[in-house]
């Protein structure tokens, strides 16, 4: 009887073996995706995905410097607003004249920056994000400065930011200029970022880029989701446990039943 049960358990173990291997591979693949391992993500080239990780430097190996404030970061962008008072002829009679503004310069860096899986060392292998033409959501405002226009006979504040603006100054300069406003946003190294885009392999690097239809979405400072047990992990461990029990018990019963056979 022991021999029959032992052989049956070994037969079940033989059936469970390939299922266990498949389950472990699925779990390993999912862990690779969650940890943002380039080797795991390369298999999904051409797919649209949403990945969450920690911002890291790009291929250059170190952070870059923002254009206006000189802050170390992995991405930066800035805008220049011209505040002005509309001309009297453009106003309705009796209307209170209020200031208005126009954007006269807008810039966003297009350097690749890295994305590392959460909990992994900052110098780990990473995938990259191509932010060209993208305006990240909720990026950190690191600079906001107002610079008034020069007044006759009055010493004006030095506008040391104008020469650092990286996009051409353009626009229709309507009305009477009041002041210029400089604003700059950054994504710092170590910030939590969620990116939705298309996976491509470019020059041996796994890069998230903008799809042909719809742009790349970069969300800065997203909240951490509650941790949960992966179904793949549960499945793999259940299959592994069942396989080991059937194998060990089956082998033991088979050995014990042989002399009785």
C-alpha atoms as a PDB file:
ATOM      1  CA  UNK A   1       0.000   0.000   0.000  1.00  0.00           C
ATOM      2  CA  UNK A   2       2.805   2.394   0.899  1.00  0.00           C
ATOM      3  CA  UNK A   3       4.475   1.619  -2.408  1.00  0.00           C
ATOM      4  CA  UNK A   4       1.320   2.411  -4.368  1.00  0.00           C
ATOM      5  CA  UNK A   5       0.817   5.730  -2.555  1.00  0.00           C
ATOM      6  CA  UNK A   6       4.478   6.621  -2.960  1.00  0.00           C
ATOM      7  CA  UNK A   7       4.462   5.920  -6.693  1.00  0.00           C
ATOM      8  CA  UNK A   8       1.240   7.948  -7.062  1.00  0.00           C
ATOM      9  CA  UNK A   9       2.793  10.894  -5.260  1.00  0.00           C
ATOM     10  CA  UNK A  10       5.902  10.693  -7.440  1.00  0.00           C
ATOM     11  CA  UNK A  11       3.679  10.653 -10.520  1.00  0.00           C
ATOM     12  CA  UNK A  12       1.905  13.772  -9.238  1.00  0.00           C
ATOM     13  CA  UNK A  13       5.304  15.367  -8.603  1.00  0.00           C
ATOM     14  CA  UNK A  14       6.303  14.603 -12.207  1.00  0.00           C
ATOM     15  CA  UNK A  15       3.148  16.366 -13.416  1.00  0.00           C
ATOM     16  CA  UNK A  16       3.757  19.322 -11.097  1.00  0.00           C
ATOM     17  CA  UNK A  17       7.397  19.760 -12.141  1.00  0.00           C
ATOM     18  CA  UNK A  18       6.799  21.573 -15.470  1.00  0.00           C
ATOM     19  CA  UNK A  19       3.955  23.595 -13.924  1.00  0.00           C
ATOM     20  CA  UNK A  20       6.265  24.640 -11.099  1.00  0.00           C
ATOM     21  CA  UNK A  21       9.007  25.659 -13.529  1.00  0.00           C
ATOM     22  CA  UNK A  22       6.507  27.736 -15.535  1.00  0.00           C
ATOM     23  CA  UNK A  23       5.151  29.338 -12.350  1.00  0.00           C
ATOM     24  CA  UNK A  24       8.645  30.236 -11.117  1.00  0.00           C
ATOM     25  CA  UNK A  25       9.566  31.723 -14.486  1.00  0.00           C
ATOM     26  CA  UNK A  26       6.397  33.829 -14.509  1.00  0.00           C
ATOM     27  CA  UNK A  27       7.149  35.079 -11.015  1.00  0.00           C
ATOM     28  CA  UNK A  28      10.756  35.837 -11.949  1.00  0.00           C
ATOM     29  CA  UNK A  29       9.590  37.728 -15.048  1.00  0.00           C
ATOM     30  CA  UNK A  30       7.114  39.755 -12.997  1.00  0.00           C
ATOM     31  CA  UNK A  31       9.795  40.564 -10.412  1.00  0.00           C
ATOM     32  CA  UNK A  32      12.047  41.741 -13.234  1.00  0.00           C
ATOM     33  CA  UNK A  33       9.312  44.063 -14.505  1.00  0.00           C
ATOM     34  CA  UNK A  34       8.571  45.401 -11.004  1.00  0.00           C
ATOM     35  CA  UNK A  35      12.284  46.052 -10.412  1.00  0.00           C
ATOM     36  CA  UNK A  36      12.593  47.727 -13.851  1.00  0.00           C
ATOM     37  CA  UNK A  37      15.321  45.386 -15.028  1.00  0.00           C
ATOM     38  CA  UNK A  38      16.258  46.262 -18.628  1.00  0.00           C
ATOM     39  CA  UNK A  39      16.633  42.577 -19.509  1.00  0.00           C
ATOM     40  CA  UNK A  40      13.016  41.909 -18.511  1.00  0.00           C
ATOM     41  CA  UNK A  41      11.589  45.020 -20.147  1.00  0.00           C
ATOM     42  CA  UNK A  42      13.455  44.517 -23.437  1.00  0.00           C
ATOM     43  CA  UNK A  43      11.098  41.608 -24.160  1.00  0.00           C
ATOM     44  CA  UNK A  44       8.210  44.122 -24.215  1.00  0.00           C
ATOM     45  CA  UNK A  45       9.692  46.342 -26.902  1.00  0.00           C
ATOM     46  CA  UNK A  46       6.964  48.101 -28.862  1.00  0.00           C
ATOM     47  CA  UNK A  47       4.406  47.861 -26.044  1.00  0.00           C
ATOM     48  CA  UNK A  48       2.810  50.781 -24.193  1.00  0.00           C
ATOM     49  CA  UNK A  49       3.475  50.439 -20.452  1.00  0.00           C
ATOM     50  CA  UNK A  50       3.187  52.406 -17.204  1.00  0.00           C
ATOM     51  CA  UNK A  51       6.209  52.101 -14.911  1.00  0.00           C
ATOM     52  CA  UNK A  52       6.902  53.600 -11.495  1.00  0.00           C
ATOM     53  CA  UNK A  53      10.384  54.061 -10.127  1.00  0.00           C
ATOM     54  CA  UNK A  54      12.973  56.459  -8.768  1.00  0.00           C
ATOM     55  CA  UNK A  55      14.500  59.158 -10.978  1.00  0.00           C
ATOM     56  CA  UNK A  56      18.202  58.618 -11.664  1.00  0.00           C
ATOM     57  CA  UNK A  57      20.868  60.252 -13.846  1.00  0.00           C
ATOM     58  CA  UNK A  58      20.959  59.543 -17.554  1.00  0.00           C
ATOM     59  CA  UNK A  59      23.655  57.842 -19.645  1.00  0.00           C
ATOM     60  CA  UNK A  60      26.176  60.530 -18.686  1.00  0.00           C
ATOM     61  CA  UNK A  61      26.373  59.021 -15.217  1.00  0.00           C
ATOM     62  CA  UNK A  62      25.664  62.131 -13.165  1.00  0.00           C
ATOM     63  CA  UNK A  63      22.930  64.708 -12.583  1.00  0.00           C
ATOM     64  CA  UNK A  64      22.532  67.726 -14.847  1.00  0.00           C
ATOM     65  CA  UNK A  65      22.182  71.377 -13.809  1.00  0.00           C
ATOM     66  CA  UNK A  66      19.000  73.370 -14.314  1.00  0.00           C
ATOM     67  CA  UNK A  67      19.293  76.336 -16.640  1.00  0.00           C
ATOM     68  CA  UNK A  68      18.168  79.171 -14.362  1.00  0.00           C
ATOM     69  CA  UNK A  69      18.621  78.208 -10.701  1.00  0.00           C
ATOM     70  CA  UNK A  70      21.589  75.881 -11.235  1.00  0.00           C
ATOM     71  CA  UNK A  71      19.909  73.073  -9.251  1.00  0.00           C
ATOM     72  CA  UNK A  72      21.192  69.500  -9.636  1.00  0.00           C
ATOM     73  CA  UNK A  73      18.463  67.411 -11.243  1.00  0.00           C
ATOM     74  CA  UNK A  74      17.686  64.855 -13.949  1.00  0.00           C
ATOM     75  CA  UNK A  75      15.160  67.054 -15.803  1.00  0.00           C
ATOM     76  CA  UNK A  76      14.479  70.795 -15.824  1.00  0.00           C
ATOM     77  CA  UNK A  77      12.206  73.218 -17.644  1.00  0.00           C
ATOM     78  CA  UNK A  78      11.528  76.939 -17.439  1.00  0.00           C
ATOM     79  CA  UNK A  79       9.146  79.613 -18.682  1.00  0.00           C
ATOM     80  CA  UNK A  80       9.349  83.388 -18.950  1.00  0.00           C
ATOM     81  CA  UNK A  81       6.169  85.435 -18.576  1.00  0.00           C
ATOM     82  CA  UNK A  82       5.875  89.090 -19.578  1.00  0.00           C
ATOM     83  CA  UNK A  83       3.433  90.961 -17.358  1.00  0.00           C
ATOM     84  CA  UNK A  84       1.964  94.029 -19.011  1.00  0.00           C
ATOM     85  CA  UNK A  85      -0.801  96.585 -18.738  1.00  0.00           C
ATOM     86  CA  UNK A  86      -3.079  96.617 -21.813  1.00  0.00           C
ATOM     87  CA  UNK A  87      -3.210  99.827 -23.807  1.00  0.00           C
ATOM     88  CA  UNK A  88      -6.099 102.162 -23.067  1.00  0.00           C
ATOM     89  CA  UNK A  89      -7.472 101.794 -26.598  1.00  0.00           C
ATOM     90  CA  UNK A  90      -7.893  98.046 -26.016  1.00  0.00           C
ATOM     91  CA  UNK A  91     -10.091  98.637 -22.970  1.00  0.00           C
ATOM     92  CA  UNK A  92     -13.831  99.111 -22.788  1.00  0.00           C
ATOM     93  CA  UNK A  93     -14.767 102.568 -21.500  1.00  0.00           C
ATOM     94  CA  UNK A  94     -15.102 102.556 -17.712  1.00  0.00           C
ATOM     95  CA  UNK A  95     -13.382  99.170 -17.354  1.00  0.00           C
ATOM     96  CA  UNK A  96     -10.718  98.836 -14.659  1.00  0.00           C
ATOM     97  CA  UNK A  97      -7.333  98.245 -16.285  1.00  0.00           C
ATOM     98  CA  UNK A  98      -5.816  95.030 -14.949  1.00  0.00           C
ATOM     99  CA  UNK A  99      -2.487  93.507 -15.738  1.00  0.00           C
ATOM    100  CA  UNK A 100      -2.199  90.624 -18.168  1.00  0.00           C
ATOM    101  CA  UNK A 101       0.660  88.359 -19.168  1.00  0.00           C
ATOM    102  CA  UNK A 102       2.056  86.464 -22.141  1.00  0.00           C
ATOM    103  CA  UNK A 103       4.474  83.545 -22.227  1.00  0.00           C
ATOM    104  CA  UNK A 104       7.490  84.666 -24.240  1.00  0.00           C
ATOM    105  CA  UNK A 105       9.834  81.705 -23.674  1.00  0.00           C
ATOM    106  CA  UNK A 106       9.275  78.041 -22.818  1.00  0.00           C
ATOM    107  CA  UNK A 107      11.916  75.340 -22.481  1.00  0.00           C
ATOM    108  CA  UNK A 108      12.137  71.702 -21.352  1.00  0.00           C
ATOM    109  CA  UNK A 109      15.340  69.646 -21.307  1.00  0.00           C
ATOM    110  CA  UNK A 110      15.479  66.687 -23.675  1.00  0.00           C
ATOM    111  CA  UNK A 111      18.316  64.755 -21.983  1.00  0.00           C
ATOM    112  CA  UNK A 112      17.573  61.118 -21.223  1.00  0.00           C
ATOM    113  CA  UNK A 113      17.164  60.397 -17.523  1.00  0.00           C
ATOM    114  CA  UNK A 114      17.098  57.069 -15.736  1.00  0.00           C
ATOM    115  CA  UNK A 115      14.390  55.171 -13.897  1.00  0.00           C
ATOM    116  CA  UNK A 116      15.461  52.672 -11.209  1.00  0.00           C
ATOM    117  CA  UNK A 117      13.220  50.164  -9.468  1.00  0.00           C
ATOM    118  CA  UNK A 118      12.215  51.190  -5.940  1.00  0.00           C
ATOM    119  CA  UNK A 119      14.394  49.720  -3.216  1.00  0.00           C
ATOM    120  CA  UNK A 120      17.324  49.121  -5.561  1.00  0.00           C
ATOM    121  CA  UNK A 121      20.695  50.934  -5.248  1.00  0.00           C
ATOM    122  CA  UNK A 122      20.935  54.266  -7.052  1.00  0.00           C
ATOM    123  CA  UNK A 123      23.772  52.976  -9.251  1.00  0.00           C
ATOM    124  CA  UNK A 124      21.814  49.899 -10.396  1.00  0.00           C
ATOM    125  CA  UNK A 125      21.213  49.186 -14.059  1.00  0.00           C
ATOM    126  CA  UNK A 126      18.254  51.221 -15.257  1.00  0.00           C
ATOM    127  CA  UNK A 127      15.920  51.987 -18.080  1.00  0.00           C
ATOM    128  CA  UNK A 128      15.777  55.473 -19.554  1.00  0.00           C
ATOM    129  CA  UNK A 129      13.107  58.069 -20.253  1.00  0.00           C
ATOM    130  CA  UNK A 130      13.190  60.347 -23.300  1.00  0.00           C
ATOM    131  CA  UNK A 131      11.360  63.525 -22.140  1.00  0.00           C
ATOM    132  CA  UNK A 132      11.706  65.394 -25.437  1.00  0.00           C
ATOM    133  CA  UNK A 133       8.591  67.511 -25.981  1.00  0.00           C
ATOM    134  CA  UNK A 134       7.010  66.423 -22.694  1.00  0.00           C
ATOM    135  CA  UNK A 135       5.955  68.601 -19.773  1.00  0.00           C
ATOM    136  CA  UNK A 136       6.037  66.522 -16.563  1.00  0.00           C
ATOM    137  CA  UNK A 137       3.055  66.830 -14.254  1.00  0.00           C
ATOM    138  CA  UNK A 138       3.552  68.360 -10.804  1.00  0.00           C
ATOM    139  CA  UNK A 139       7.298  68.883 -11.227  1.00  0.00           C
ATOM    140  CA  UNK A 140       8.988  70.753  -8.359  1.00  0.00           C
ATOM    141  CA  UNK A 141       8.939  74.547  -8.714  1.00  0.00           C
ATOM    142  CA  UNK A 142      12.480  75.526  -7.718  1.00  0.00           C
ATOM    143  CA  UNK A 143      12.533  79.147  -8.879  1.00  0.00           C
ATOM    144  CA  UNK A 144      10.042  81.975  -9.191  1.00  0.00           C
ATOM    145  CA  UNK A 145      11.448  85.472  -9.642  1.00  0.00           C
ATOM    146  CA  UNK A 146       9.949  88.778 -10.755  1.00  0.00           C
ATOM    147  CA  UNK A 147      12.206  91.327 -12.437  1.00  0.00           C
ATOM    148  CA  UNK A 148      10.783  94.794 -13.058  1.00  0.00           C
ATOM    149  CA  UNK A 149      11.498  96.699 -16.239  1.00  0.00           C
ATOM    150  CA  UNK A 150      14.092  99.492 -15.990  1.00  0.00           C
ATOM    151  CA  UNK A 151      12.680 102.874 -14.927  1.00  0.00           C
ATOM    152  CA  UNK A 152      14.244 106.200 -15.925  1.00  0.00           C
ATOM    153  CA  UNK A 153      16.570 107.404 -13.162  1.00  0.00           C
ATOM    154  CA  UNK A 154      16.017 104.285 -11.022  1.00  0.00           C
ATOM    155  CA  UNK A 155      18.580 101.537 -10.559  1.00  0.00           C
ATOM    156  CA  UNK A 156      16.958  98.331 -11.859  1.00  0.00           C
ATOM    157  CA  UNK A 157      17.488  94.896 -10.369  1.00  0.00           C
ATOM    158  CA  UNK A 158      20.052  92.970 -12.349  1.00  0.00           C
ATOM    159  CA  UNK A 159      18.307  90.531 -14.690  1.00  0.00           C
ATOM    160  CA  UNK A 160      20.960  87.841 -14.551  1.00  0.00           C
ATOM    161  CA  UNK A 161      18.473  85.167 -15.681  1.00  0.00           C
ATOM    162  CA  UNK A 162      17.788  86.506 -19.160  1.00  0.00           C
ATOM    163  CA  UNK A 163      21.086  85.233 -20.545  1.00  0.00           C
ATOM    164  CA  UNK A 164      20.358  81.744 -19.176  1.00  0.00           C
ATOM    165  CA  UNK A 165      17.042  81.294 -20.982  1.00  0.00           C
ATOM    166  CA  UNK A 166      17.567  78.453 -23.475  1.00  0.00           C
ATOM    167  CA  UNK A 167      14.630  79.025 -25.802  1.00  0.00           C
ATOM    168  CA  UNK A 168      14.206  81.976 -28.175  1.00  0.00           C
ATOM    169  CA  UNK A 169      12.371  84.999 -26.769  1.00  0.00           C
ATOM    170  CA  UNK A 170       9.298  85.500 -28.937  1.00  0.00           C
ATOM    171  CA  UNK A 171       5.750  86.785 -28.831  1.00  0.00           C
ATOM    172  CA  UNK A 172       3.676  89.877 -29.513  1.00  0.00           C
ATOM    173  CA  UNK A 173       4.779  92.556 -27.049  1.00  0.00           C
ATOM    174  CA  UNK A 174       1.445  94.239 -26.451  1.00  0.00           C
ATOM    175  CA  UNK A 175       0.751  97.054 -24.027  1.00  0.00           C
ATOM    176  CA  UNK A 176       3.055  98.505 -21.386  1.00  0.00           C
ATOM    177  CA  UNK A 177       5.569  96.096 -19.838  1.00  0.00           C
ATOM    178  CA  UNK A 178       5.374  95.899 -16.036  1.00  0.00           C
ATOM    179  CA  UNK A 179       7.810  93.105 -15.215  1.00  0.00           C
ATOM    180  CA  UNK A 180       9.138  89.727 -16.296  1.00  0.00           C
ATOM    181  CA  UNK A 181       8.506  86.541 -14.335  1.00  0.00           C
ATOM    182  CA  UNK A 182      10.908  83.597 -14.443  1.00  0.00           C
ATOM    183  CA  UNK A 183       9.724  80.167 -13.333  1.00  0.00           C
ATOM    184  CA  UNK A 184      11.674  76.917 -13.318  1.00  0.00           C
ATOM    185  CA  UNK A 185      10.696  73.337 -12.533  1.00  0.00           C
ATOM    186  CA  UNK A 186      12.920  70.304 -11.867  1.00  0.00           C
ATOM    187  CA  UNK A 187      12.833  66.581 -11.214  1.00  0.00           C
ATOM    188  CA  UNK A 188      15.566  65.787  -8.735  1.00  0.00           C
ATOM    189  CA  UNK A 189      17.520  62.567  -8.478  1.00  0.00           C
ATOM    190  CA  UNK A 190      15.679  60.202  -6.118  1.00  0.00           C
ATOM    191  CA  UNK A 191      12.205  61.605  -6.800  1.00  0.00           C
ATOM    192  CA  UNK A 192       9.398  59.086  -7.269  1.00  0.00           C
ATOM    193  CA  UNK A 193       8.163  59.166 -10.857  1.00  0.00           C
ATOM    194  CA  UNK A 194       5.511  57.324 -12.873  1.00  0.00           C
ATOM    195  CA  UNK A 195       5.953  57.212 -16.649  1.00  0.00           C
ATOM    196  CA  UNK A 196       3.570  56.000 -19.344  1.00  0.00           C
ATOM    197  CA  UNK A 197       5.001  55.515 -22.799  1.00  0.00           C
ATOM    198  CA  UNK A 198       6.254  53.169 -25.481  1.00  0.00           C
ATOM    199  CA  UNK A 199       9.192  50.836 -24.803  1.00  0.00           C
ATOM    200  CA  UNK A 200      11.940  50.927 -27.394  1.00  0.00           C
ATOM    201  CA  UNK A 201      15.499  49.603 -27.504  1.00  0.00           C
ATOM    202  CA  UNK A 202      17.785  52.399 -28.758  1.00  0.00           C
ATOM    203  CA  UNK A 203      21.559  51.905 -29.030  1.00  0.00           C
ATOM    204  CA  UNK A 204      21.339  48.982 -26.627  1.00  0.00           C
ATOM    205  CA  UNK A 205      19.346  50.965 -24.038  1.00  0.00           C
ATOM    206  CA  UNK A 206      15.741  50.312 -23.034  1.00  0.00           C
ATOM    207  CA  UNK A 207      14.022  53.692 -23.408  1.00  0.00           C
ATOM    208  CA  UNK A 208      10.497  54.909 -22.688  1.00  0.00           C
ATOM    209  CA  UNK A 209       9.487  57.229 -25.513  1.00  0.00           C
ATOM    210  CA  UNK A 210       6.386  59.024 -26.739  1.00  0.00           C
ATOM    211  CA  UNK A 211       4.067  56.782 -28.796  1.00  0.00           C
ATOM    212  CA  UNK A 212       3.198  57.779 -32.351  1.00  0.00           C
ATOM    213  CA  UNK A 213      -0.300  58.596 -31.124  1.00  0.00           C
ATOM    214  CA  UNK A 214      -0.445  60.457 -27.813  1.00  0.00           C
ATOM    215  CA  UNK A 215       2.459  61.828 -25.844  1.00  0.00           C
ATOM    216  CA  UNK A 216       4.693  60.494 -23.118  1.00  0.00           C
ATOM    217  CA  UNK A 217       3.211  61.037 -19.654  1.00  0.00           C
ATOM    218  CA  UNK A 218       5.585  61.798 -16.756  1.00  0.00           C
ATOM    219  CA  UNK A 219       4.031  62.164 -13.297  1.00  0.00           C
ATOM    220  CA  UNK A 220       6.302  63.536 -10.584  1.00  0.00           C
ATOM    221  CA  UNK A 221       5.902  62.802  -6.873  1.00  0.00           C
ATOM    222  CA  UNK A 222       3.246  60.075  -7.186  1.00  0.00           C
ATOM    223  CA  UNK A 223       2.199  58.397  -3.955  1.00  0.00           C
ATOM    224  CA  UNK A 224       3.405  54.931  -3.105  1.00  0.00           C
ATOM    225  CA  UNK A 225       0.733  52.293  -3.562  1.00  0.00           C
ATOM    226  CA  UNK A 226      -0.064  49.906  -0.690  1.00  0.00           C
ATOM    227  CA  UNK A 227       2.098  46.811  -0.935  1.00  0.00           C
ATOM    228  CA  UNK A 228       0.295  43.599  -1.853  1.00  0.00           C
ATOM    229  CA  UNK A 229       1.299  40.016  -2.388  1.00  0.00           C
ATOM    230  CA  UNK A 230       1.842  39.214  -6.042  1.00  0.00           C
ATOM    231  CA  UNK A 231      -0.536  36.536  -7.421  1.00  0.00           C
ATOM    232  CA  UNK A 232       2.386  35.155  -9.446  1.00  0.00           C
ATOM    233  CA  UNK A 233       4.405  34.772  -6.248  1.00  0.00           C
ATOM    234  CA  UNK A 234       1.526  33.003  -4.479  1.00  0.00           C
ATOM    235  CA  UNK A 235       1.012  30.693  -7.435  1.00  0.00           C
ATOM    236  CA  UNK A 236       4.713  29.876  -7.776  1.00  0.00           C
ATOM    237  CA  UNK A 237       5.209  29.170  -4.063  1.00  0.00           C
ATOM    238  CA  UNK A 238       2.062  27.025  -3.919  1.00  0.00           C
ATOM    239  CA  UNK A 239       3.212  24.919  -6.865  1.00  0.00           C
ATOM    240  CA  UNK A 240       6.745  24.643  -5.455  1.00  0.00           C
ATOM    241  CA  UNK A 241       5.435  23.555  -2.058  1.00  0.00           C
ATOM    242  CA  UNK A 242       3.083  20.970  -3.574  1.00  0.00           C
ATOM    243  CA  UNK A 243       5.869  19.621  -5.793  1.00  0.00           C
ATOM    244  CA  UNK A 244       8.347  19.304  -2.925  1.00  0.00           C
ATOM    245  CA  UNK A 245       5.799  17.620  -0.620  1.00  0.00           C
ATOM    246  CA  UNK A 246       4.805  15.099  -3.290  1.00  0.00           C
ATOM    247  CA  UNK A 247       8.428  14.441  -4.206  1.00  0.00           C
ATOM    248  CA  UNK A 248       9.759  14.020  -0.656  1.00  0.00           C
ATOM    249  CA  UNK A 249       6.785  12.093   0.763  1.00  0.00           C
ATOM    250  CA  UNK A 250       6.431  10.017  -2.386  1.00  0.00           C
ATOM    251  CA  UNK A 251      10.113   9.092  -2.362  1.00  0.00           C
ATOM    252  CA  UNK A 252       9.982   8.240   1.358  1.00  0.00           C
ATOM    253  CA  UNK A 253       6.872   6.054   0.999  1.00  0.00           C
ATOM    254  CA  UNK A 254       8.278   4.348  -2.073  1.00  0.00           C
ATOM    255  CA  UNK A 255      11.500   3.486  -0.269  1.00  0.00           C
ATOM    256  CA  UNK A 256       9.562   2.327   2.792  1.00  0.00           C
ATOM    257  CA  UNK A 257       7.211   0.185   0.689  1.00  0.00           C
ATOM    258  CA  UNK A 258       9.880  -1.557  -1.380  1.00  0.00           C
ATOM    259  CA  UNK A 259      10.777  -4.249   1.179  1.00  0.00           C
ATOM    260  CA  UNK A 260       7.071  -4.950   1.636  1.00  0.00           C
ATOM    261  CA  UNK A 261       6.538  -5.330  -2.057  1.00  0.00           C
END
